[in-house]
């Protein structure tokens, strides 16, 4: 019984160490052009056609492409959030012109991660 408990404990410690290592590796693998800033989730448009954007502290608005990724943030409207984004490459930007999000002043971006601050 003692051997089983010891083996279980060692397995959990190893599993936790692997998980911590993965998180650090993911943070180090951010693209060079990734931007992290604090801002708010904003809903643009008028009912029934609305879309989600993000606004930084300077008032610059960005559209999130693909739209489904932005919809994840809809419930965070008004909250202060830390965003990590990547501006779209020129070819992706041209393909995104069919969406309203592309015409916001900051342009369309790909949302990598977000964290609610308050």
N, C-alpha and C. Protein backbone atom coordinates (compact mmCIF):
# COMPACT_ATOMS: atom_id res chain seq x y z
N UNK A 1 0.82 -1.19 0.00
CA UNK A 1 0.00 0.00 0.00
C UNK A 1 0.87 1.27 0.00
N UNK A 2 1.97 1.24 0.79
CA UNK A 2 2.87 2.39 0.85
C UNK A 2 3.51 2.64 -0.52
N UNK A 3 3.87 1.56 -1.22
CA UNK A 3 4.48 1.70 -2.54
C UNK A 3 3.50 2.33 -3.53
N UNK A 4 2.23 1.95 -3.44
CA UNK A 4 1.21 2.50 -4.33
C UNK A 4 1.04 4.00 -4.08
N UNK A 5 0.97 4.39 -2.81
CA UNK A 5 0.82 5.81 -2.48
C UNK A 5 2.05 6.60 -2.92
N UNK A 6 3.23 6.05 -2.70
CA UNK A 6 4.46 6.71 -3.12
C UNK A 6 4.50 6.87 -4.64
N UNK A 7 4.14 5.83 -5.37
CA UNK A 7 4.13 5.88 -6.82
C UNK A 7 3.10 6.89 -7.32
N UNK A 8 1.94 6.94 -6.69
CA UNK A 8 0.90 7.90 -7.08
C UNK A 8 1.37 9.33 -6.85
N UNK A 9 2.02 9.56 -5.70
CA UNK A 9 2.52 10.89 -5.38
C UNK A 9 3.59 11.32 -6.38
N UNK A 10 4.49 10.43 -6.73
CA UNK A 10 5.54 10.74 -7.69
C UNK A 10 4.96 11.03 -9.08
N UNK A 11 3.93 10.29 -9.45
CA UNK A 11 3.26 10.51 -10.74
C UNK A 11 2.64 11.91 -10.78
N UNK A 12 1.96 12.31 -9.71
CA UNK A 12 1.33 13.63 -9.67
C UNK A 12 2.36 14.75 -9.70
N UNK A 13 3.46 14.58 -9.00
CA UNK A 13 4.52 15.59 -9.01
C UNK A 13 5.10 15.73 -10.42
N UNK A 14 5.34 14.61 -11.07
CA UNK A 14 5.88 14.63 -12.43
C UNK A 14 4.90 15.29 -13.40
N UNK A 15 3.63 14.94 -13.27
CA UNK A 15 2.60 15.51 -14.13
C UNK A 15 2.53 17.02 -13.95
N UNK A 16 2.58 17.50 -12.72
CA UNK A 16 2.54 18.93 -12.44
C UNK A 16 3.76 19.63 -13.02
N UNK A 17 4.93 19.03 -12.88
CA UNK A 17 6.16 19.62 -13.43
C UNK A 17 6.07 19.74 -14.95
N UNK A 18 5.51 18.75 -15.61
CA UNK A 18 5.35 18.79 -17.07
C UNK A 18 4.39 19.90 -17.47
N UNK A 19 3.31 20.08 -16.72
CA UNK A 19 2.33 21.12 -17.04
C UNK A 19 2.94 22.50 -16.90
N UNK A 20 3.73 22.72 -15.87
CA UNK A 20 4.37 24.01 -15.67
C UNK A 20 5.34 24.28 -16.81
N UNK A 21 6.09 23.28 -17.22
CA UNK A 21 7.02 23.44 -18.33
C UNK A 21 6.33 23.78 -19.63
N UNK A 22 5.17 23.21 -19.87
CA UNK A 22 4.42 23.51 -21.09
C UNK A 22 3.96 24.95 -21.11
N UNK A 23 3.49 25.46 -19.98
CA UNK A 23 3.02 26.84 -19.94
C UNK A 23 4.16 27.81 -20.24
N UNK A 24 5.32 27.57 -19.69
CA UNK A 24 6.45 28.44 -19.95
C UNK A 24 6.86 28.37 -21.42
N UNK A 25 6.85 27.20 -21.99
CA UNK A 25 7.22 27.03 -23.39
C UNK A 25 6.24 27.77 -24.30
N UNK A 26 4.93 27.69 -24.00
CA UNK A 26 3.93 28.37 -24.82
C UNK A 26 4.14 29.88 -24.79
N UNK A 27 4.49 30.43 -23.62
CA UNK A 27 4.71 31.86 -23.52
C UNK A 27 5.94 32.29 -24.32
N UNK A 28 6.95 31.44 -24.38
CA UNK A 28 8.15 31.76 -25.11
C UNK A 28 7.95 31.67 -26.62
N UNK A 29 6.91 31.00 -27.07
CA UNK A 29 6.70 30.78 -28.50
C UNK A 29 5.81 31.84 -29.13
N UNK A 30 5.64 32.97 -28.52
CA UNK A 30 4.85 34.05 -29.11
C UNK A 30 5.56 34.55 -30.36
N UNK A 31 4.80 34.88 -31.39
CA UNK A 31 5.41 35.44 -32.60
C UNK A 31 6.13 36.76 -32.29
N UNK A 32 7.09 37.10 -33.11
CA UNK A 32 7.85 38.34 -32.92
C UNK A 32 6.97 39.58 -32.92
N UNK A 33 5.95 39.57 -33.75
CA UNK A 33 5.11 40.75 -33.88
C UNK A 33 3.90 40.74 -32.93
N UNK A 34 3.91 39.88 -31.92
CA UNK A 34 2.81 39.84 -30.95
C UNK A 34 2.83 41.11 -30.10
N UNK A 35 1.65 41.60 -29.81
CA UNK A 35 1.48 42.83 -29.02
C UNK A 35 0.62 42.47 -27.81
N UNK A 36 1.05 42.87 -26.63
CA UNK A 36 0.26 42.66 -25.43
C UNK A 36 -0.12 44.04 -24.88
N UNK A 37 -1.40 44.23 -24.57
CA UNK A 37 -1.86 45.50 -24.03
C UNK A 37 -3.08 45.28 -23.15
N UNK A 38 -3.43 46.29 -22.41
CA UNK A 38 -4.61 46.25 -21.55
C UNK A 38 -5.69 47.11 -22.22
N UNK A 39 -6.89 46.57 -22.26
CA UNK A 39 -7.98 47.28 -22.90
C UNK A 39 -9.33 46.75 -22.47
N UNK A 40 -10.32 46.98 -23.30
CA UNK A 40 -11.70 46.57 -23.01
C UNK A 40 -12.32 45.92 -24.24
N UNK A 41 -13.31 45.08 -23.98
CA UNK A 41 -14.10 44.48 -25.04
C UNK A 41 -15.22 45.45 -25.39
N UNK A 42 -15.43 45.69 -26.68
CA UNK A 42 -16.44 46.64 -27.14
C UNK A 42 -17.30 45.95 -28.19
N UNK A 43 -18.60 46.20 -28.15
CA UNK A 43 -19.53 45.66 -29.15
C UNK A 43 -19.84 46.78 -30.16
N UNK A 44 -19.64 46.50 -31.43
CA UNK A 44 -19.89 47.47 -32.51
C UNK A 44 -21.08 47.03 -33.33
N UNK A 45 -21.66 47.98 -34.07
CA UNK A 45 -22.80 47.69 -34.93
C UNK A 45 -24.10 48.01 -34.21
N UNK A 46 -25.19 47.60 -34.83
CA UNK A 46 -26.50 47.78 -34.20
C UNK A 46 -27.30 46.49 -34.40
N UNK A 47 -28.17 46.23 -33.46
CA UNK A 47 -28.94 44.99 -33.47
C UNK A 47 -29.73 44.89 -34.77
N UNK A 48 -29.75 43.81 -35.45
CA UNK A 48 -29.28 42.47 -35.11
C UNK A 48 -27.86 42.17 -35.59
N UNK A 49 -27.22 43.12 -36.26
CA UNK A 49 -25.89 42.85 -36.79
C UNK A 49 -24.85 43.55 -35.91
N UNK A 50 -24.20 42.78 -35.07
CA UNK A 50 -23.17 43.33 -34.19
C UNK A 50 -21.91 42.46 -34.30
N UNK A 51 -20.81 43.03 -33.90
CA UNK A 51 -19.57 42.26 -33.85
C UNK A 51 -18.72 42.78 -32.69
N UNK A 52 -17.81 41.93 -32.25
CA UNK A 52 -16.99 42.23 -31.08
C UNK A 52 -15.64 42.77 -31.52
N UNK A 53 -15.20 43.82 -30.85
CA UNK A 53 -13.87 44.37 -31.08
C UNK A 53 -13.20 44.59 -29.74
N UNK A 54 -11.96 45.00 -29.78
CA UNK A 54 -11.25 45.33 -28.56
C UNK A 54 -10.66 46.72 -28.71
N UNK A 55 -10.59 47.45 -27.60
CA UNK A 55 -10.09 48.82 -27.61
C UNK A 55 -8.98 48.94 -26.58
N UNK A 56 -7.83 49.49 -27.00
CA UNK A 56 -6.73 49.66 -26.05
C UNK A 56 -6.95 50.93 -25.22
N UNK A 57 -6.04 51.18 -24.29
CA UNK A 57 -6.18 52.32 -23.38
C UNK A 57 -6.09 53.66 -24.09
N UNK A 58 -5.52 53.68 -25.30
CA UNK A 58 -5.40 54.91 -26.07
C UNK A 58 -6.62 55.16 -26.97
N UNK A 59 -7.59 54.25 -26.94
CA UNK A 59 -8.79 54.41 -27.74
C UNK A 59 -8.72 53.81 -29.13
N UNK A 60 -7.64 53.10 -29.46
CA UNK A 60 -7.50 52.47 -30.77
C UNK A 60 -8.27 51.14 -30.77
N UNK A 61 -9.16 50.96 -31.75
CA UNK A 61 -10.01 49.77 -31.82
C UNK A 61 -9.47 48.77 -32.83
N UNK A 62 -9.58 47.50 -32.49
CA UNK A 62 -9.16 46.41 -33.35
C UNK A 62 -10.32 45.46 -33.58
N UNK A 63 -10.39 44.90 -34.78
CA UNK A 63 -11.37 43.87 -35.09
C UNK A 63 -10.74 42.50 -34.96
N UNK A 64 -11.46 41.54 -34.41
CA UNK A 64 -10.92 40.20 -34.19
C UNK A 64 -11.37 39.28 -35.31
N UNK A 65 -10.40 38.68 -35.97
CA UNK A 65 -10.64 37.73 -37.05
C UNK A 65 -10.06 36.39 -36.62
N UNK A 66 -10.74 35.30 -36.71
CA UNK A 66 -12.09 35.10 -37.20
C UNK A 66 -13.14 35.57 -36.18
N UNK A 67 -14.29 35.86 -36.68
CA UNK A 67 -15.36 36.43 -35.87
C UNK A 67 -15.73 35.53 -34.69
N UNK A 68 -15.66 34.22 -34.86
CA UNK A 68 -16.02 33.28 -33.79
C UNK A 68 -15.13 33.48 -32.57
N UNK A 69 -13.86 33.78 -32.81
CA UNK A 69 -12.92 34.01 -31.70
C UNK A 69 -13.32 35.26 -30.92
N UNK A 70 -13.79 36.27 -31.62
CA UNK A 70 -14.26 37.49 -30.96
C UNK A 70 -15.52 37.25 -30.16
N UNK A 71 -16.38 36.36 -30.64
CA UNK A 71 -17.64 36.09 -29.94
C UNK A 71 -17.39 35.50 -28.55
N UNK A 72 -16.24 34.84 -28.36
CA UNK A 72 -15.90 34.32 -27.04
C UNK A 72 -15.82 35.43 -26.00
N UNK A 73 -15.52 36.64 -26.46
CA UNK A 73 -15.32 37.77 -25.56
C UNK A 73 -16.59 38.57 -25.28
N UNK A 74 -17.67 38.27 -25.96
CA UNK A 74 -18.89 39.08 -25.86
C UNK A 74 -19.34 39.30 -24.42
N UNK A 75 -19.25 38.29 -23.60
CA UNK A 75 -19.70 38.40 -22.20
C UNK A 75 -18.75 39.23 -21.34
N UNK A 76 -17.61 39.60 -21.88
CA UNK A 76 -16.64 40.40 -21.12
C UNK A 76 -16.73 41.89 -21.45
N UNK A 77 -17.80 42.29 -22.12
CA UNK A 77 -17.94 43.69 -22.50
C UNK A 77 -17.83 44.58 -21.26
N UNK A 78 -16.97 45.60 -21.35
CA UNK A 78 -16.80 46.53 -20.25
C UNK A 78 -15.74 46.13 -19.24
N UNK A 79 -15.31 44.87 -19.23
CA UNK A 79 -14.28 44.43 -18.30
C UNK A 79 -12.90 44.91 -18.78
N UNK A 80 -11.98 45.05 -17.84
CA UNK A 80 -10.60 45.36 -18.19
C UNK A 80 -9.89 44.03 -18.42
N UNK A 81 -9.28 43.91 -19.59
CA UNK A 81 -8.71 42.63 -20.03
C UNK A 81 -7.31 42.87 -20.60
N UNK A 82 -6.41 41.91 -20.36
CA UNK A 82 -5.10 41.95 -20.99
C UNK A 82 -5.18 41.08 -22.24
N UNK A 83 -4.86 41.66 -23.39
CA UNK A 83 -4.93 40.97 -24.67
C UNK A 83 -3.54 40.75 -25.23
N UNK A 84 -3.36 39.63 -25.92
CA UNK A 84 -2.16 39.41 -26.73
C UNK A 84 -2.67 39.16 -28.14
N UNK A 85 -2.25 40.02 -29.07
CA UNK A 85 -2.74 39.97 -30.45
C UNK A 85 -1.57 39.93 -31.42
N UNK A 86 -1.90 39.55 -32.64
CA UNK A 86 -0.94 39.61 -33.75
C UNK A 86 -1.64 40.29 -34.91
N UNK A 87 -1.08 41.39 -35.43
CA UNK A 87 -1.68 42.02 -36.61
C UNK A 87 -1.64 41.04 -37.78
N UNK A 88 -2.65 41.08 -38.62
CA UNK A 88 -2.71 40.17 -39.76
C UNK A 88 -1.67 40.55 -40.81
N UNK A 89 -1.14 39.54 -41.47
CA UNK A 89 -0.24 39.77 -42.60
C UNK A 89 -1.06 40.39 -43.74
N UNK A 90 -0.39 40.97 -44.71
CA UNK A 90 -1.07 41.66 -45.81
C UNK A 90 -2.05 40.75 -46.55
N UNK A 91 -1.66 39.50 -46.81
CA UNK A 91 -2.55 38.58 -47.53
C UNK A 91 -3.78 38.25 -46.69
N UNK A 92 -3.59 38.04 -45.39
CA UNK A 92 -4.72 37.77 -44.50
C UNK A 92 -5.61 39.00 -44.38
N UNK A 93 -4.99 40.15 -44.34
CA UNK A 93 -5.74 41.41 -44.22
C UNK A 93 -6.65 41.61 -45.43
N UNK A 94 -6.15 41.33 -46.62
CA UNK A 94 -6.95 41.47 -47.83
C UNK A 94 -8.12 40.49 -47.83
N UNK A 95 -7.89 39.27 -47.35
CA UNK A 95 -8.96 38.28 -47.29
C UNK A 95 -10.02 38.66 -46.28
N UNK A 96 -9.65 39.44 -45.26
CA UNK A 96 -10.58 39.80 -44.20
C UNK A 96 -11.43 41.03 -44.53
N UNK A 97 -11.22 41.64 -45.67
CA UNK A 97 -11.93 42.88 -46.01
C UNK A 97 -13.43 42.70 -46.14
N UNK A 98 -13.90 41.48 -46.22
CA UNK A 98 -15.34 41.25 -46.31
C UNK A 98 -16.03 41.44 -44.96
N UNK A 99 -15.27 41.53 -43.90
CA UNK A 99 -15.85 41.65 -42.56
C UNK A 99 -15.77 43.09 -42.07
N UNK A 100 -16.80 43.51 -41.33
CA UNK A 100 -16.84 44.87 -40.79
C UNK A 100 -15.67 45.14 -39.87
N UNK A 101 -15.20 44.10 -39.17
CA UNK A 101 -14.11 44.24 -38.21
C UNK A 101 -12.84 44.81 -38.86
N UNK A 102 -12.70 44.61 -40.15
CA UNK A 102 -11.49 45.04 -40.87
C UNK A 102 -11.40 46.55 -40.98
N UNK A 103 -12.49 47.25 -40.80
CA UNK A 103 -12.51 48.68 -41.03
C UNK A 103 -12.34 49.49 -39.75
N UNK A 104 -12.09 48.84 -38.61
CA UNK A 104 -11.80 49.58 -37.39
C UNK A 104 -10.41 50.19 -37.52
N UNK A 105 -10.13 51.29 -36.84
CA UNK A 105 -8.86 52.00 -37.02
C UNK A 105 -7.61 51.15 -36.81
N UNK A 106 -7.63 50.22 -35.84
CA UNK A 106 -6.46 49.38 -35.60
C UNK A 106 -6.34 48.24 -36.59
N UNK A 107 -7.40 48.02 -37.35
CA UNK A 107 -7.41 46.95 -38.34
C UNK A 107 -7.74 45.60 -37.74
N UNK A 108 -7.77 44.58 -38.58
CA UNK A 108 -8.09 43.24 -38.10
C UNK A 108 -6.86 42.60 -37.45
N UNK A 109 -7.09 41.85 -36.38
CA UNK A 109 -6.00 41.18 -35.68
C UNK A 109 -6.43 39.75 -35.34
N UNK A 110 -5.43 38.94 -35.06
CA UNK A 110 -5.68 37.57 -34.58
C UNK A 110 -5.43 37.60 -33.08
N UNK A 111 -6.42 37.19 -32.30
CA UNK A 111 -6.32 37.18 -30.84
C UNK A 111 -5.64 35.89 -30.41
N UNK A 112 -4.48 36.01 -29.73
CA UNK A 112 -3.77 34.83 -29.25
C UNK A 112 -4.25 34.41 -27.87
N UNK A 113 -4.41 35.40 -26.97
CA UNK A 113 -4.84 35.07 -25.62
C UNK A 113 -5.43 36.31 -24.96
N UNK A 114 -6.15 36.07 -23.88
CA UNK A 114 -6.68 37.16 -23.08
C UNK A 114 -6.77 36.71 -21.64
N UNK A 115 -6.75 37.70 -20.74
CA UNK A 115 -6.84 37.42 -19.31
C UNK A 115 -7.62 38.55 -18.68
N UNK A 116 -8.70 38.22 -17.97
CA UNK A 116 -9.53 39.23 -17.33
C UNK A 116 -8.80 39.78 -16.12
N UNK A 117 -8.70 41.09 -16.06
CA UNK A 117 -8.05 41.75 -14.93
C UNK A 117 -9.10 42.16 -13.90
N UNK A 118 -10.15 42.81 -14.35
CA UNK A 118 -11.28 43.13 -13.46
C UNK A 118 -12.52 43.42 -14.28
